[in-house]
């Protein structure tokens, strides 16, 4: 974990130097030093206003958002895989991404503007759509005789198909905006700004602290509901709480960065190869690895064909799909 934390820090600094306007690492460090209150005026070197504007208004929010979104998606994927006891579970199993996509598409169709509290209307609408879709899936699952994970999963799948159909219908009637919707569906961080960072950060902190505090209980869930109950746990309540925390993480990440695949599917599997199945170490390790994975993917997406920018979802799919196949073969996973 120490190596991953150090790698994340230095990769973030390196990412700040890359872009259409190259900025040396020394200048980036000077600009970061100048950002400390009261310190900037005492430093001997001249202030570079253009470089500061590029770093603090364009690159730093994007680097931070890519790290935070990657952490949130990896942690959510790990939670869902543990709760459903299914290695194929990913962060989008409950229809959260479909709700966010429909909300963003509706905002583009109506003409996305500045939005609320510095967030674009597409982000606000995606956030609302993700929250409503997730809440609807949980409400349906709780109808009848208690909470059922199986019913929750089926509701999420059915809701995803329903909302995806509504999205396709909306794109047919609003073809002029379909290019913006498609770009959002492929994932992207080009519109990253500080309000998006401040939206994801508290959700990630709260979700991480909550899930880390439930690491032992999550280990017990892997033994099965009956054994977890014999250990003094309330498995149904714990599953509901963990699934809700994971949905909060997915909602924050998807509403600010679009739908980015394979982060929540590949990273937890890779982390298990490094530290084993104990969630007390797997949770922080997966979180750090998720931030590194998406940071590297976004850096490649915005630099490899510059000035053309590739949607980051394409990069994660090109890297994640072969990596996932390799991990499945490495771990010897077989359907039973």
Foldseek 3Di string as FASTA:
>chain_A
DVVLVVVLVVLLLVLLQDDPDGDDSVVSVLLVQLPPPPRVVVDDDDDDPVSNCCRAWFRNLLLLLLLLLLLLQQLLLLLVCLLVVPLQGGLQLQQLQLQLLLQLLVCLLVPWDCDPPRRISSLVRSLVRSVVSNVVLQVVQCPDDGHDPVSSSVNSVVNNVVSVVVSVVSCVVRVVSVVVSVLQQLWARRPGGDVLSVQSVVLSVVLLVVVLVCQVLSVQCNVPPVSSVVVVDDSRVVSVVSNVSSSSSNSSSCSNIHDAPLSNNQLLLVLCVVPNDRSNVSSVSSSSSSSVVSSVLQSCQPHVPPPHGHRSSVSCCVPRVVSNVVSCVVVVDDDD
